[in-house]
Amino acid sequence: MASTYKKAGVSIDAGEEVVHRIKKSVRSTFTKNVLTDIGMFGAFYEAKFPKIKNPVLVSSVDGVGTKLKIAFMMKRYNTVGQDLVNHCVNDIAVCGASPLYFMDYFATGKLTPSVAADVIGGFAKACKENSCSIIGGETAEMPGFYPAGEFDIAGTIVGVVDKKNVVNGKSIKKGDVLIGLPSTGLHTNGYSLARHVLLPKFSLKKKFADLNGTLGEALLAVHRSYLTPIQALTTKNLVKGMSHITGGGIIGNTMRIIPKGLSLKIDWFAWQRPYIYDLIQSVGQVPEYDMTRTFNLGVGLIFVVDKKNVDKVVGILKTKKEKPFVMGEVG
């Protein structure tokens, strides 16, 4: 019997159908700087920045991690793409950069066009919300490499900032104040521990009054973008440093921008920890040390600002419908 690529588990037709399904949503993210359509060997982006004197490109790459396992169990695929784009946007935005373009990688054992289209549709939705373009991507079908019904995604983002406006924490000094913004849940970190603790005991369909919905909905809450509040402050030069709270927690991430010789004084009671963390900690008897190193604990982003600017910063953030809180200082 003749062997074919299709019999080996790879469907070229399915790949072409994915491209057909995503073309409209991907093209909707294009700006005038995007010079190529979907399907070229390379993606062309015209690097013209007339308003920037000394442009510096800022890039980041990431994945969604085991949060995908929750999406598989719930058969809900349209949010994890948003998670990935927003995560990447935040990582460059805290450096002062504005996102320009995003490129994705979607890999699976057997390609289901509707699933791939849902995921990539999520990429497109978040890219439009963050004013950046999807200019390229890769869809890989690898039989036997992933369990049935599962996939992995990763993404790379590129942004730009004027060199004089780079935010790197170098000017941070003792006495500067930490202002936090709430997260929308676990974002994209700590899911291995959360699943280990919660899934043996609860169905994802179980409703909790304190979660305002089901456990699955709480765990799939979209990792939000902080681009708007960040730009509201960076355009006014009110920020000395910013930390996106991902793996490593509040201290681990914020110390990345704190100059040598300085420390953090966190007021752990300055905000109310969302119920999902209390649930994980109580059910799993998770030590506080592990909680603080693994999860964002309800804080998605931290601004480091001069003490004299605290009231002004808080006021600006509130005009953007944010809920900022002072959560400590640099020691």
Protein backbone atom coordinates (compact mmCIF):
# COMPACT_ATOMS: atom_id res chain seq x y z
CA MET A 1 0.00 0.00 0.00
CA ALA A 2 1.34 3.40 -0.99
CA SER A 3 2.32 5.75 1.80
CA THR A 4 1.23 9.39 1.68
CA TYR A 5 1.74 12.41 3.88
CA LYS A 6 -1.95 12.26 4.80
CA LYS A 7 -1.67 8.60 5.86
CA ALA A 8 1.31 9.59 7.98
CA GLY A 9 -0.98 11.97 9.83
CA VAL A 10 -0.40 15.34 8.16
CA SER A 11 -3.20 17.00 6.21
CA ILE A 12 -2.09 19.72 3.82
CA ASP A 13 -5.77 20.40 3.11
CA ALA A 14 -6.42 21.13 6.80
CA GLY A 15 -3.52 23.57 6.82
CA GLU A 16 -4.88 25.38 3.81
CA GLU A 17 -8.32 25.54 5.42
CA VAL A 18 -6.78 27.17 8.53
CA VAL A 19 -5.19 29.85 6.34
CA HIS A 20 -8.54 30.43 4.62
CA ARG A 21 -10.34 30.75 7.97
CA ILE A 22 -7.88 33.19 9.53
CA LYS A 23 -7.14 35.49 6.60
CA LYS A 24 -9.88 38.01 7.36
CA SER A 25 -9.14 38.34 11.08
CA VAL A 26 -5.37 38.52 10.57
CA ARG A 27 -5.64 41.12 7.79
CA SER A 28 -7.83 43.23 10.08
CA THR A 29 -4.73 43.85 12.25
CA PHE A 30 -2.58 45.22 9.39
CA THR A 31 -1.33 48.80 9.46
CA LYS A 32 0.22 50.74 6.56
CA ASN A 33 3.63 49.48 7.74
CA VAL A 34 2.77 45.86 6.88
CA LEU A 35 4.02 45.26 3.34
CA THR A 36 3.26 41.55 2.85
CA ASP A 37 0.11 39.45 2.89
CA ILE A 38 -0.35 36.05 4.54
CA GLY A 39 1.61 33.24 2.92
CA MET A 40 4.94 34.86 2.04
CA PHE A 41 8.21 33.24 3.15
CA GLY A 42 9.04 36.28 5.24
CA ALA A 43 7.00 39.09 6.75
CA PHE A 44 7.88 42.66 5.75
CA TYR A 45 7.34 45.56 8.15
CA GLU A 46 8.40 49.04 7.06
CA ALA A 47 10.45 50.54 9.88
CA LYS A 48 9.52 54.19 9.54
CA PHE A 49 9.13 56.07 12.81
CA PRO A 50 8.96 59.77 11.90
CA LYS A 51 8.02 60.85 15.43
CA ILE A 52 10.88 58.94 17.07
CA LYS A 53 14.35 60.49 16.98
CA ASN A 54 16.34 57.46 18.11
CA PRO A 55 14.19 54.32 17.73
CA VAL A 56 15.07 51.26 19.78
CA LEU A 57 13.37 47.95 18.98
CA VAL A 58 12.20 45.94 21.98
CA SER A 59 11.23 42.29 21.62
CA SER A 60 9.92 39.45 23.77
CA VAL A 61 8.84 35.84 23.31
CA ASP A 62 6.59 33.72 25.51
CA GLY A 63 4.00 30.96 25.75
CA VAL A 64 0.84 30.31 27.77
CA GLY A 65 2.10 27.28 29.69
CA THR A 66 -0.18 24.74 31.33
CA LYS A 67 -3.13 27.12 31.31
CA LEU A 68 -3.70 25.41 27.98
CA LYS A 69 -4.69 22.26 29.89
CA ILE A 70 -7.71 24.14 31.27
CA ALA A 71 -8.66 25.27 27.77
CA PHE A 72 -8.44 21.67 26.53
CA MET A 73 -10.64 20.40 29.35
CA MET A 74 -13.24 23.12 28.75
CA LYS A 75 -12.93 22.94 24.94
CA ARG A 76 -12.70 26.72 24.91
CA TYR A 77 -9.95 27.99 22.65
CA ASN A 78 -10.72 31.64 21.88
CA THR A 79 -9.11 33.15 24.99
CA VAL A 80 -5.63 31.60 25.15
CA GLY A 81 -4.55 33.55 22.06
CA GLN A 82 -5.51 36.76 23.84
CA ASP A 83 -3.54 35.62 26.88
CA LEU A 84 -0.41 35.20 24.82
CA VAL A 85 -0.57 38.53 22.99
CA ASN A 86 -1.40 40.51 26.13
CA HIS A 87 1.40 38.81 28.08
CA CYS A 88 3.91 39.71 25.37
CA VAL A 89 2.59 43.28 25.09
CA ASN A 90 2.98 43.81 28.83
CA ASP A 91 6.56 42.54 28.78
CA ILE A 92 7.68 45.19 26.30
CA ALA A 93 5.33 47.93 27.53
CA VAL A 94 7.02 47.93 30.95
CA CYS A 95 10.21 48.89 29.10
CA GLY A 96 8.40 51.91 27.64
CA ALA A 97 7.82 50.34 24.20
CA SER A 98 4.73 50.47 22.01
CA PRO A 99 3.92 47.19 20.22
CA LEU A 100 4.40 47.07 16.45
CA TYR A 101 3.89 43.48 15.37
CA PHE A 102 3.34 39.95 16.66
CA MET A 103 4.24 36.54 15.22
CA ASP A 104 2.80 33.25 16.43
CA TYR A 105 3.61 29.54 16.49
CA PHE A 106 0.77 26.99 16.73
CA ALA A 107 1.77 23.32 16.94
CA THR A 108 -0.45 20.25 17.29
CA GLY A 109 -0.55 16.52 16.61
CA LYS A 110 -3.64 16.64 14.40
CA LEU A 111 -4.78 19.96 13.00
CA THR A 112 -8.42 20.85 13.60
CA PRO A 113 -9.09 23.99 11.54
CA SER A 114 -11.88 25.29 13.79
CA VAL A 115 -9.65 25.06 16.88
CA ALA A 116 -6.70 26.74 15.17
CA ALA A 117 -9.00 29.48 13.85
CA ASP A 118 -10.35 30.12 17.37
CA VAL A 119 -6.86 30.45 18.81
CA ILE A 120 -5.59 32.68 16.01
CA GLY A 121 -8.79 34.70 16.20
CA GLY A 122 -7.82 35.38 19.81
CA PHE A 123 -4.41 36.59 18.63
CA ALA A 124 -6.14 38.96 16.20
CA LYS A 125 -8.60 40.31 18.78
CA ALA A 126 -5.84 41.16 21.25
CA CYS A 127 -3.57 42.58 18.56
CA LYS A 128 -6.30 44.98 17.45
CA GLU A 129 -6.93 46.00 21.06
CA ASN A 130 -3.21 46.70 21.49
CA SER A 131 -2.80 48.45 18.12
CA CYS A 132 -0.31 45.96 16.72
CA SER A 133 -0.30 43.72 13.65
CA ILE A 134 0.00 39.97 13.15
CA ILE A 135 2.49 39.87 10.29
CA GLY A 136 3.36 36.19 10.25
CA GLY A 137 3.07 32.84 11.94
CA GLU A 138 3.62 29.10 11.69
CA THR A 139 1.11 26.28 11.99
CA ALA A 140 2.79 22.90 12.51
CA GLU A 141 1.06 19.51 12.39
CA MET A 142 3.24 16.85 14.05
CA PRO A 143 1.55 13.45 14.40
CA GLY A 144 2.47 11.56 17.56
CA PHE A 145 4.19 14.54 19.14
CA TYR A 146 1.24 15.92 21.12
CA PRO A 147 -1.60 14.05 22.86
CA ALA A 148 -4.88 13.95 20.93
CA GLY A 149 -6.80 17.21 21.17
CA GLU A 150 -3.85 19.20 22.51
CA PHE A 151 -1.56 21.87 21.09
CA ASP A 152 1.03 24.42 22.12
CA ILE A 153 1.34 28.09 21.24
CA ALA A 154 4.13 30.62 21.47
CA GLY A 155 4.53 34.16 20.25
CA THR A 156 7.08 36.87 19.59
CA ILE A 157 6.35 40.56 19.77
CA VAL A 158 8.39 43.53 18.56
CA GLY A 159 7.85 47.10 19.71
CA VAL A 160 9.64 50.42 19.55
CA VAL A 161 10.62 53.17 21.98
CA ASP A 162 12.65 56.34 21.62
CA LYS A 163 15.98 55.70 23.38
CA LYS A 164 15.47 58.68 25.68
CA ASN A 165 12.16 57.19 26.83
CA VAL A 166 13.40 53.69 27.72
CA VAL A 167 12.14 52.69 31.20
CA ASN A 168 14.72 50.51 32.94
CA GLY A 169 14.62 51.37 36.66
CA LYS A 170 18.08 52.96 36.76
CA SER A 171 16.78 56.13 38.43
CA ILE A 172 14.94 54.27 41.21
CA LYS A 173 16.04 55.31 44.70
CA LYS A 174 15.21 54.56 48.31
CA GLY A 175 11.81 55.93 49.28
CA ASP A 176 10.22 55.57 45.85
CA VAL A 177 6.69 54.21 46.03
CA LEU A 178 5.16 51.03 44.58
CA ILE A 179 1.71 51.38 43.03
CA GLY A 180 -0.08 48.20 41.99
CA LEU A 181 -2.84 47.43 39.50
CA PRO A 182 -5.11 44.40 39.96
CA SER A 183 -4.72 41.26 37.88
CA THR A 184 -7.65 39.50 36.25
CA GLY A 185 -6.72 36.20 37.89
CA LEU A 186 -3.73 33.90 37.60
CA HIS A 187 -2.91 35.41 34.19
CA THR A 188 -0.55 32.82 32.66
CA ASN A 189 1.51 31.63 35.62
CA GLY A 190 1.19 29.10 38.41
CA TYR A 191 -1.16 26.73 36.61
CA SER A 192 0.87 23.62 37.32
CA LEU A 193 0.42 24.19 41.05
CA ALA A 194 -3.20 25.33 40.70
CA ARG A 195 -4.14 22.25 38.66
CA HIS A 196 -2.26 19.95 41.05
CA VAL A 197 -4.22 21.34 43.99
CA LEU A 198 -7.68 22.01 42.57
CA LEU A 199 -8.45 19.53 39.81
CA PRO A 200 -8.34 16.35 41.91
CA LYS A 201 -10.97 17.88 44.22
CA PHE A 202 -13.23 20.04 42.06
CA SER A 203 -14.89 19.93 38.66
CA LEU A 204 -14.18 22.90 36.42
CA LYS A 205 -17.96 23.29 36.25
CA LYS A 206 -18.28 23.77 40.01
CA LYS A 207 -19.65 27.19 40.90
CA PHE A 208 -18.21 29.24 43.76
CA ALA A 209 -20.09 32.30 44.96
CA ASP A 210 -16.80 34.06 45.73
CA LEU A 211 -15.59 33.45 42.17
CA ASN A 212 -18.79 34.84 40.62
CA GLY A 213 -18.94 31.80 38.36
CA THR A 214 -17.36 28.42 37.78
CA LEU A 215 -13.85 27.35 38.66
CA GLY A 216 -13.09 26.84 34.98
CA GLU A 217 -14.18 30.37 34.10
CA ALA A 218 -11.99 31.78 36.87
CA LEU A 219 -8.96 29.81 35.69
CA LEU A 220 -9.49 30.84 32.06
CA ALA A 221 -9.92 34.56 32.82
CA VAL A 222 -7.96 36.44 30.17
CA HIS A 223 -4.52 37.77 31.07
CA ARG A 224 -5.18 41.46 30.65
CA SER A 225 -3.13 44.08 28.83
CA TYR A 226 -1.83 47.07 30.80
CA LEU A 227 -0.77 49.06 27.74
CA THR A 228 -3.31 51.88 28.19
CA PRO A 229 -2.49 52.73 31.85
CA ILE A 230 1.23 52.32 31.16
CA GLN A 231 1.15 54.80 28.29
CA ALA A 232 -0.96 57.22 30.29
CA LEU A 233 1.98 57.52 32.71
CA THR A 234 5.01 57.08 30.47
CA THR A 235 3.89 59.86 28.14
CA LYS A 236 4.08 62.17 31.16
CA ASN A 237 7.44 60.80 32.42
CA LEU A 238 5.89 59.81 35.73
CA VAL A 239 7.34 56.30 35.98
CA LYS A 240 10.82 55.22 37.06
CA GLY A 241 10.27 51.52 36.59
CA MET A 242 7.55 48.93 35.98
CA SER A 243 7.24 45.22 36.64
CA HIS A 244 4.89 42.78 34.95
CA ILE A 245 4.08 40.17 37.61
CA THR A 246 4.56 36.75 36.06
CA GLY A 247 6.44 33.63 37.22
CA GLY A 248 8.49 34.51 40.28
CA GLY A 249 5.78 36.62 41.86
CA ILE A 250 5.75 40.19 43.10
CA ILE A 251 9.23 40.28 44.63
CA GLY A 252 10.97 38.14 42.01
CA ASN A 253 9.76 40.28 39.11
CA THR A 254 10.05 43.69 40.73
CA MET A 255 13.62 43.09 41.94
CA ARG A 256 14.60 42.73 38.27
CA ILE A 257 14.34 46.53 37.93
CA ILE A 258 15.59 47.58 41.39
CA PRO A 259 19.17 48.91 41.41
CA LYS A 260 21.79 46.94 43.33
CA GLY A 261 21.88 47.68 47.03
CA LEU A 262 18.18 48.51 47.31
CA SER A 263 15.32 46.31 48.49
CA LEU A 264 11.53 46.16 48.55
CA LYS A 265 9.21 46.82 51.46
CA ILE A 266 5.89 45.25 50.48
CA ASP A 267 2.69 45.88 52.44
CA TRP A 268 1.03 42.51 51.84
CA PHE A 269 -2.22 43.80 53.35
CA ALA A 270 -2.55 46.79 51.00
CA TRP A 271 -4.92 44.90 48.72
CA GLN A 272 -7.43 42.12 49.10
CA ARG A 273 -6.13 38.84 47.75
CA PRO A 274 -8.72 37.36 45.34
CA TYR A 275 -10.57 34.27 46.50
CA ILE A 276 -8.96 31.96 43.91
CA TYR A 277 -5.65 32.24 45.80
CA ASP A 278 -7.26 31.59 49.17
CA LEU A 279 -8.89 28.51 47.65
CA ILE A 280 -5.60 27.20 46.27
CA GLN A 281 -3.74 27.86 49.48
CA SER A 282 -6.33 26.35 51.82
CA VAL A 283 -7.14 23.26 49.72
CA GLY A 284 -3.50 22.49 48.95
CA GLN A 285 -2.05 23.66 52.27
CA VAL A 286 0.42 25.64 50.18
CA PRO A 287 3.04 27.49 52.24
CA GLU A 288 2.91 31.29 52.03
CA TYR A 289 6.45 31.32 50.63
CA ASP A 290 5.33 29.20 47.67
CA MET A 291 2.25 31.36 47.13
CA THR A 292 4.31 34.55 46.92
CA ARG A 293 6.87 33.03 44.54
CA THR A 294 4.38 31.26 42.27
CA PHE A 295 1.40 33.60 41.83
CA ASN A 296 0.74 37.29 41.21
CA LEU A 297 -1.70 37.18 44.17
CA GLY A 298 -3.99 39.70 42.50
CA VAL A 299 -1.32 42.20 41.43
CA GLY A 300 -0.68 42.19 37.69
CA LEU A 301 1.53 45.26 37.32
CA ILE A 302 3.60 47.51 39.57
CA PHE A 303 4.71 51.08 38.91
CA VAL A 304 7.68 52.54 40.78
CA VAL A 305 7.21 56.30 41.13
CA ASP A 306 8.68 59.24 43.00
CA LYS A 307 6.97 59.87 46.32
CA LYS A 308 5.96 63.39 45.30
CA ASN A 309 4.09 62.05 42.26
CA VAL A 310 1.97 59.40 43.99
CA ASP A 311 -1.26 61.40 44.13
CA LYS A 312 -0.89 62.52 40.52
CA VAL A 313 -0.21 58.98 39.31
CA VAL A 314 -3.13 57.52 41.23
CA GLY A 315 -5.41 60.25 39.86
CA ILE A 316 -4.39 59.59 36.25
CA LEU A 317 -4.87 55.84 36.65
CA LYS A 318 -8.34 56.36 38.07
CA THR A 319 -9.31 58.47 35.05
CA LYS A 320 -8.45 55.36 33.00
CA LYS A 321 -10.91 53.38 35.14
CA GLU A 322 -8.12 51.55 36.93
CA LYS A 323 -8.10 50.64 40.63
CA PRO A 324 -4.57 51.51 41.78
CA PHE A 325 -3.28 50.96 45.31
CA VAL A 326 -0.09 51.92 47.10
CA MET A 327 1.55 48.65 48.13
CA GLY A 328 4.96 49.52 49.51
CA GLU A 329 8.20 51.29 48.82
CA VAL A 330 11.81 50.85 47.85
CA GLY A 331 14.05 50.32 50.87
